[in-house]
Amino acid sequence: MLRSVRCLKELLKLSKSSTKITKKQVTLAPFMMSTKHGSDHLEKTSNEERTSNEEERTNPEYSEAEVIELNDMSPTVKRLLLKVNDQSFIFKAGQWVDFIIPNIETFTGFSMSSSPDQLQSSFIELAVQFSDYPPTLWVHKECQIGNKVSLRVGGTQIIYDPQPSDPHYNVLLIAGGIGINPLLSMIRHANSLKRAQTHWFSPVRFQLLYSASTRKELIFQDDISEIVNNFPSVFQSTLFVTQEDVSSDNKYTQGRIQDSHLASAVQEFGSENLECYICGPPPMIEDMESSLLKLNMKPENVHYEKWW
């Protein structure tokens, strides 16, 4: 509770900022509004670091962003392209943003699917799955091009930000449904490094295991295929479909991600030289983590966030 109170005090300071967030807009329902997602986003992430640079840590403020594109990605997912009107706004691949909507009392966090280098054009991309939670309802039912929202970067659990001095390691990405968002951000970031012919990045290889209920819910699959086709020696992907018969389509694998798929990836890359990032429903994360540890993956090399 104390963490939530501290977060509320911090947010109330924003009422004096240029974003004009009012006390009503940051009211926390008691004890944080209960929805099918569990407790409120703020409580779930209350011990997570917000913002991405030292200046903002001492004076945390939200950045204004404008919706410039809005379209359906699947029967349940909408895509938002936002123009961020703040040159100090930065993020790392895998992070999320607190998403503040004017006149909506509760708020949530959405992981970014775009690469950090897209900020050179001031754009970020979000893919938002439908639910009965007020912020996601707004995205699906009320949001229009030209609407403005406020954002603040957060998240420390699944960040991919390789540096020249880092040891070389390969990457296994495991996504369930809308959990593809932060992992696609990582793939896109790695793709940008590869396209730039970054010499120290050359030995790195990626494998993505991506599961969804139907083919249509495997959002971004065309983007993923393009990256894999451009650099097949670096990027690999396997797409799994759990609730639709795809036995006649060799583009997909029928069923859930199995222990055998994880074992194959770990054997190919080697557990000592492998970092794994998981994003999906909590039961899936728990199953994947348990299986990876049985394959001698080090716990510190298995990264995930469990605040869904």
Protein backbone atom coordinates (compact mmCIF):
# COMPACT_ATOMS: atom_id res chain seq x y z
CA MET A 1 0.00 0.00 0.00
CA LEU A 2 2.80 2.41 0.83
CA ARG A 3 4.27 1.93 -2.64
CA SER A 4 0.93 2.80 -4.19
CA VAL A 5 0.56 5.89 -2.00
CA ARG A 6 4.03 7.08 -3.01
CA CYS A 7 3.14 6.55 -6.67
CA LEU A 8 -0.08 8.50 -6.24
CA LYS A 9 1.78 11.41 -4.64
CA GLU A 10 4.24 11.40 -7.51
CA LEU A 11 1.46 11.39 -10.08
CA LEU A 12 -0.41 14.22 -8.41
CA LYS A 13 2.64 16.41 -8.96
CA LEU A 14 1.94 16.09 -12.67
CA SER A 15 -1.18 18.23 -12.34
CA LYS A 16 1.18 21.23 -12.49
CA SER A 17 2.95 20.05 -15.63
CA SER A 18 2.28 21.01 -19.24
CA THR A 19 0.26 17.84 -19.77
CA LYS A 20 -2.46 19.30 -17.49
CA ILE A 21 -3.26 16.02 -15.80
CA THR A 22 -5.82 16.64 -13.05
CA LYS A 23 -6.22 14.93 -9.72
CA LYS A 24 -9.34 13.23 -11.03
CA GLN A 25 -7.42 11.76 -13.93
CA VAL A 26 -4.99 9.91 -11.68
CA THR A 27 -7.43 8.73 -9.02
CA LEU A 28 -6.73 5.14 -7.98
CA ALA A 29 -9.81 3.06 -7.39
CA PRO A 30 -9.83 1.29 -4.04
CA PHE A 31 -7.66 -1.03 -3.90
CA MET A 32 -6.74 -0.29 -7.24
CA MET A 33 -9.63 -1.04 -9.59
CA SER A 34 -10.24 -4.77 -9.82
CA THR A 35 -10.67 -6.15 -13.33
CA LYS A 36 -10.05 -9.46 -15.03
CA HIS A 37 -6.47 -8.26 -15.38
CA GLY A 38 -6.10 -8.27 -11.59
CA SER A 39 -4.97 -5.21 -9.66
CA ASP A 40 -4.31 -1.89 -11.33
CA HIS A 41 -1.29 -1.33 -13.58
CA LEU A 42 0.18 1.21 -11.17
CA GLU A 43 0.21 -1.20 -8.24
CA LYS A 44 1.61 -4.03 -10.37
CA THR A 45 4.48 -1.84 -11.51
CA SER A 46 4.93 0.34 -8.41
CA ASN A 47 8.51 -0.89 -7.83
CA GLU A 48 9.49 -0.47 -11.49
CA GLU A 49 11.74 2.36 -12.55
CA ARG A 50 10.05 4.97 -14.74
CA THR A 51 11.64 7.13 -17.44
CA SER A 52 14.87 6.49 -19.33
CA ASN A 53 17.31 9.27 -18.56
CA GLU A 54 18.80 10.86 -15.48
CA GLU A 55 17.20 14.27 -15.98
CA GLU A 56 13.69 12.82 -16.05
CA ARG A 57 14.33 10.70 -12.95
CA THR A 58 14.76 13.88 -10.94
CA ASN A 59 11.79 15.61 -12.56
CA PRO A 60 9.47 12.89 -13.91
CA GLU A 61 6.90 14.22 -16.35
CA TYR A 62 4.74 12.71 -18.99
CA SER A 63 5.30 13.37 -22.68
CA GLU A 64 2.44 14.32 -24.97
CA ALA A 65 1.74 12.09 -27.98
CA GLU A 66 -0.75 12.31 -30.82
CA VAL A 67 -2.50 9.40 -32.53
CA ILE A 68 -1.64 9.60 -36.23
CA GLU A 69 -2.62 6.09 -37.37
CA LEU A 70 -5.25 3.67 -36.06
CA ASN A 71 -6.15 0.35 -37.65
CA ASP A 72 -7.25 -3.23 -36.94
CA MET A 73 -4.49 -5.83 -36.83
CA SER A 74 -6.76 -8.76 -35.97
CA PRO A 75 -10.31 -9.32 -34.70
CA THR A 76 -9.09 -8.40 -31.19
CA VAL A 77 -6.08 -6.09 -31.67
CA LYS A 78 -5.81 -2.44 -32.70
CA ARG A 79 -2.59 -0.80 -33.80
CA LEU A 80 -1.72 2.75 -32.76
CA LEU A 81 1.02 4.85 -34.30
CA LEU A 82 1.82 7.81 -32.08
CA LYS A 83 3.87 10.91 -32.74
CA VAL A 84 5.66 11.95 -29.57
CA ASN A 85 6.01 15.70 -29.23
CA ASP A 86 9.01 15.58 -26.91
CA GLN A 87 12.62 15.30 -28.07
CA SER A 88 13.71 14.07 -24.62
CA PHE A 89 11.45 11.00 -24.85
CA ILE A 90 13.59 7.84 -25.22
CA PHE A 91 13.13 4.14 -24.51
CA LYS A 92 14.91 0.81 -24.82
CA ALA A 93 13.68 -2.25 -26.70
CA GLY A 94 11.32 -4.22 -24.45
CA GLN A 95 10.03 -1.33 -22.34
CA TRP A 96 6.46 -0.14 -21.89
CA VAL A 97 4.73 3.20 -21.40
CA ASP A 98 2.25 4.40 -18.80
CA PHE A 99 -0.64 5.44 -21.03
CA ILE A 100 -2.73 8.37 -19.73
CA ILE A 101 -5.98 9.26 -21.50
CA PRO A 102 -7.71 12.60 -20.77
CA ASN A 103 -10.84 12.18 -18.64
CA ILE A 104 -10.21 8.46 -18.00
CA GLU A 105 -9.58 7.95 -14.28
CA THR A 106 -7.64 4.70 -14.51
CA PHE A 107 -4.62 4.13 -16.68
CA THR A 108 -2.55 1.23 -17.88
CA GLY A 109 0.74 0.31 -19.49
CA PHE A 110 1.31 -0.83 -23.07
CA SER A 111 4.52 -2.39 -24.34
CA MET A 112 5.98 -0.78 -27.43
CA SER A 113 6.38 -2.88 -30.57
CA SER A 114 8.49 -0.28 -32.39
CA SER A 115 12.26 -0.11 -32.33
CA PRO A 116 13.97 2.71 -30.42
CA ASP A 117 15.47 3.98 -33.68
CA GLN A 118 11.96 4.87 -34.92
CA LEU A 119 12.11 7.75 -32.47
CA GLN A 120 14.39 9.46 -34.98
CA SER A 121 11.09 10.23 -36.70
CA SER A 122 9.34 10.79 -33.33
CA PHE A 123 7.09 7.71 -33.75
CA ILE A 124 6.23 4.82 -31.46
CA GLU A 125 3.89 1.91 -32.20
CA LEU A 126 1.53 0.07 -29.86
CA ALA A 127 -0.68 -2.96 -30.44
CA VAL A 128 -3.57 -3.09 -27.96
CA GLN A 129 -5.73 -6.16 -27.37
CA PHE A 130 -9.41 -5.68 -26.58
CA SER A 131 -10.59 -6.06 -22.98
CA ASP A 132 -13.17 -4.49 -20.67
CA TYR A 133 -10.49 -2.38 -18.94
CA PRO A 134 -11.33 1.35 -19.44
CA PRO A 135 -8.09 2.37 -21.21
CA THR A 136 -8.25 -0.52 -23.68
CA LEU A 137 -11.96 0.05 -24.23
CA TRP A 138 -11.14 3.65 -25.12
CA VAL A 139 -8.53 2.52 -27.65
CA HIS A 140 -10.99 0.15 -29.32
CA LYS A 141 -14.21 2.13 -29.07
CA GLU A 142 -13.43 5.85 -28.82
CA CYS A 143 -9.90 6.59 -29.99
CA GLN A 144 -9.60 8.67 -33.15
CA ILE A 145 -6.76 10.04 -35.24
CA GLY A 146 -5.74 13.37 -33.73
CA ASN A 147 -6.46 12.35 -30.12
CA LYS A 148 -3.70 13.20 -27.65
CA VAL A 149 -2.49 11.11 -24.73
CA SER A 150 0.36 11.30 -22.22
CA LEU A 151 3.16 8.75 -21.94
CA ARG A 152 5.95 7.84 -19.57
CA VAL A 153 8.48 5.07 -20.11
CA GLY A 154 8.87 2.25 -17.59
CA GLY A 155 10.09 -1.32 -17.26
CA THR A 156 13.38 -2.96 -16.35
CA GLN A 157 12.68 -6.69 -16.58
CA ILE A 158 12.90 -7.43 -20.31
CA ILE A 159 15.20 -4.84 -21.84
CA TYR A 160 17.40 -5.59 -24.83
CA ASP A 161 20.08 -2.94 -25.16
CA PRO A 162 23.34 -4.56 -26.34
CA GLN A 163 26.55 -2.56 -26.11
CA PRO A 164 29.94 -3.05 -27.84
CA SER A 165 31.58 -4.03 -24.55
CA ASP A 166 28.98 -6.73 -23.77
CA PRO A 167 29.87 -10.42 -24.25
CA HIS A 168 28.28 -11.95 -27.35
CA TYR A 169 25.18 -14.02 -26.64
CA ASN A 170 22.31 -15.47 -28.65
CA VAL A 171 18.67 -14.70 -27.90
CA LEU A 172 15.60 -16.93 -27.56
CA LEU A 173 12.28 -15.06 -27.61
CA ILE A 174 9.04 -16.73 -26.50
CA ALA A 175 5.79 -14.86 -27.15
CA GLY A 176 2.19 -15.69 -26.36
CA GLY A 177 -0.51 -13.63 -28.11
CA ILE A 178 -0.20 -9.89 -27.53
CA GLY A 179 3.07 -10.62 -25.69
CA ILE A 180 4.79 -10.27 -29.05
CA ASN A 181 4.93 -6.48 -28.58
CA PRO A 182 8.14 -6.02 -26.53
CA LEU A 183 9.82 -8.96 -28.23
CA LEU A 184 9.17 -7.52 -31.68
CA SER A 185 10.73 -4.28 -30.44
CA MET A 186 13.85 -6.31 -29.63
CA ILE A 187 13.85 -8.03 -33.03
CA ARG A 188 13.44 -4.72 -34.81
CA HIS A 189 16.26 -3.19 -32.77
CA ALA A 190 18.54 -6.10 -33.61
CA ASN A 191 17.51 -5.83 -37.26
CA SER A 192 18.47 -2.13 -37.23
CA LEU A 193 21.89 -3.00 -35.79
CA LYS A 194 22.36 -5.64 -38.46
CA ARG A 195 21.28 -3.32 -41.28
CA ALA A 196 23.74 -0.72 -40.01
CA GLN A 197 26.46 -3.38 -40.36
CA THR A 198 27.41 -2.95 -36.72
CA HIS A 199 30.62 -5.00 -36.60
CA TRP A 200 30.42 -6.02 -32.93
CA PHE A 201 26.86 -7.34 -33.38
CA SER A 202 27.64 -9.86 -36.15
CA PRO A 203 27.87 -13.14 -34.14
CA VAL A 204 24.47 -12.69 -32.49
CA ARG A 205 21.56 -14.96 -33.52
CA PHE A 206 17.86 -14.81 -32.64
CA GLN A 207 15.13 -17.44 -32.49
CA LEU A 208 11.46 -16.52 -31.97
CA LEU A 209 8.79 -19.00 -30.80
CA TYR A 210 5.44 -17.23 -31.17
CA SER A 211 2.08 -18.75 -30.23
CA ALA A 212 -1.49 -17.48 -30.67
CA SER A 213 -4.98 -18.94 -30.82
CA THR A 214 -5.51 -18.42 -34.57
CA ARG A 215 -3.52 -17.36 -37.61
CA LYS A 216 -5.18 -13.94 -37.57
CA GLU A 217 -4.08 -13.38 -33.98
CA LEU A 218 -0.43 -13.87 -34.93
CA ILE A 219 -0.06 -10.15 -35.41
CA PHE A 220 3.05 -8.74 -37.09
CA GLN A 221 3.78 -12.05 -38.79
CA ASP A 222 4.48 -10.30 -42.11
CA ASP A 223 6.96 -7.96 -40.42
CA ILE A 224 8.64 -10.92 -38.74
CA SER A 225 8.83 -12.89 -42.00
CA GLU A 226 10.43 -9.94 -43.79
CA ILE A 227 13.17 -9.65 -41.17
CA VAL A 228 13.79 -13.42 -41.20
CA ASN A 229 13.96 -13.49 -45.00
CA ASN A 230 16.38 -10.55 -45.11
CA PHE A 231 18.81 -12.08 -42.59
CA PRO A 232 18.09 -15.83 -42.37
CA SER A 233 21.47 -16.53 -40.78
CA VAL A 234 20.59 -14.23 -37.88
CA PHE A 235 16.81 -14.52 -37.37
CA GLN A 236 14.66 -17.64 -37.14
CA SER A 237 10.97 -17.91 -36.25
CA THR A 238 8.38 -20.61 -35.64
CA LEU A 239 4.69 -19.66 -35.50
CA PHE A 240 2.33 -21.80 -33.41
CA VAL A 241 -1.49 -21.90 -33.68
CA THR A 242 -3.43 -23.49 -30.81
CA GLN A 243 -7.16 -23.20 -31.60
CA GLU A 244 -7.39 -23.50 -35.38
CA ASP A 245 -6.55 -26.37 -37.69
CA VAL A 246 -3.42 -25.41 -39.63
CA SER A 247 -2.25 -28.91 -40.47
CA SER A 248 -2.46 -28.19 -44.21
CA ASP A 249 -0.41 -24.97 -43.98
CA ASN A 250 3.30 -25.58 -43.52
CA LYS A 251 3.84 -21.94 -42.55
CA TYR A 252 2.52 -22.77 -39.07
CA THR A 253 3.03 -25.39 -36.36
CA GLN A 254 -0.08 -26.92 -34.81
CA GLY A 255 -0.49 -26.66 -31.04
CA ARG A 256 1.38 -25.05 -28.19
CA ILE A 257 5.09 -24.47 -27.74
CA GLN A 258 6.41 -27.77 -26.37
CA ASP A 259 9.42 -28.70 -24.27
CA SER A 260 10.93 -30.27 -27.39
CA HIS A 261 10.94 -26.89 -29.16
CA LEU A 262 12.72 -25.28 -26.22
CA ALA A 263 15.21 -28.14 -26.02
CA SER A 264 16.00 -27.78 -29.70
CA ALA A 265 16.70 -24.05 -29.33
CA VAL A 266 18.83 -24.49 -26.21
CA GLN A 267 20.81 -27.29 -27.84
CA GLU A 268 21.42 -25.21 -30.96
CA PHE A 269 22.53 -22.09 -29.11
CA GLY A 270 23.97 -23.63 -25.95
CA SER A 271 22.63 -22.76 -22.51
CA GLU A 272 25.84 -20.96 -21.51
CA ASN A 273 25.58 -18.51 -24.40
CA LEU A 274 21.86 -17.83 -24.42
CA GLU A 275 19.55 -15.16 -23.02
CA CYS A 276 15.82 -15.87 -23.04
CA TYR A 277 12.98 -13.32 -22.95
CA ILE A 278 9.38 -14.41 -22.36
CA CYS A 279 6.19 -12.37 -22.66
CA GLY A 280 2.69 -13.83 -22.50
CA PRO A 281 0.00 -14.94 -20.04
CA PRO A 282 1.39 -15.76 -16.57
CA PRO A 283 0.67 -19.54 -16.79
CA MET A 284 2.60 -19.71 -20.05
CA ILE A 285 5.52 -17.77 -18.56
CA GLU A 286 5.65 -20.14 -15.57
CA ASP A 287 5.60 -23.22 -17.82
CA MET A 288 8.30 -21.86 -20.13
CA GLU A 289 10.54 -20.79 -17.26
CA SER A 290 10.22 -24.16 -15.55
CA SER A 291 11.08 -26.01 -18.75
CA LEU A 292 14.06 -23.78 -19.52
CA LEU A 293 15.53 -24.24 -16.04
CA LYS A 294 15.26 -28.01 -16.48
CA LEU A 295 17.33 -27.55 -19.65
CA ASN A 296 20.11 -26.01 -17.52
CA MET A 297 19.36 -22.42 -18.37
CA LYS A 298 20.66 -20.12 -15.64
CA PRO A 299 17.81 -18.34 -13.80
CA GLU A 300 19.50 -14.96 -14.33
CA ASN A 301 19.41 -15.57 -18.11
CA VAL A 302 15.63 -16.04 -18.22
CA HIS A 303 13.81 -12.69 -18.32
CA TYR A 304 10.09 -11.94 -18.11
CA GLU A 305 7.45 -9.63 -16.68
CA LYS A 306 4.46 -11.00 -14.76
CA TRP A 307 2.16 -8.01 -14.34
CA TRP A 308 -0.64 -8.93 -16.71
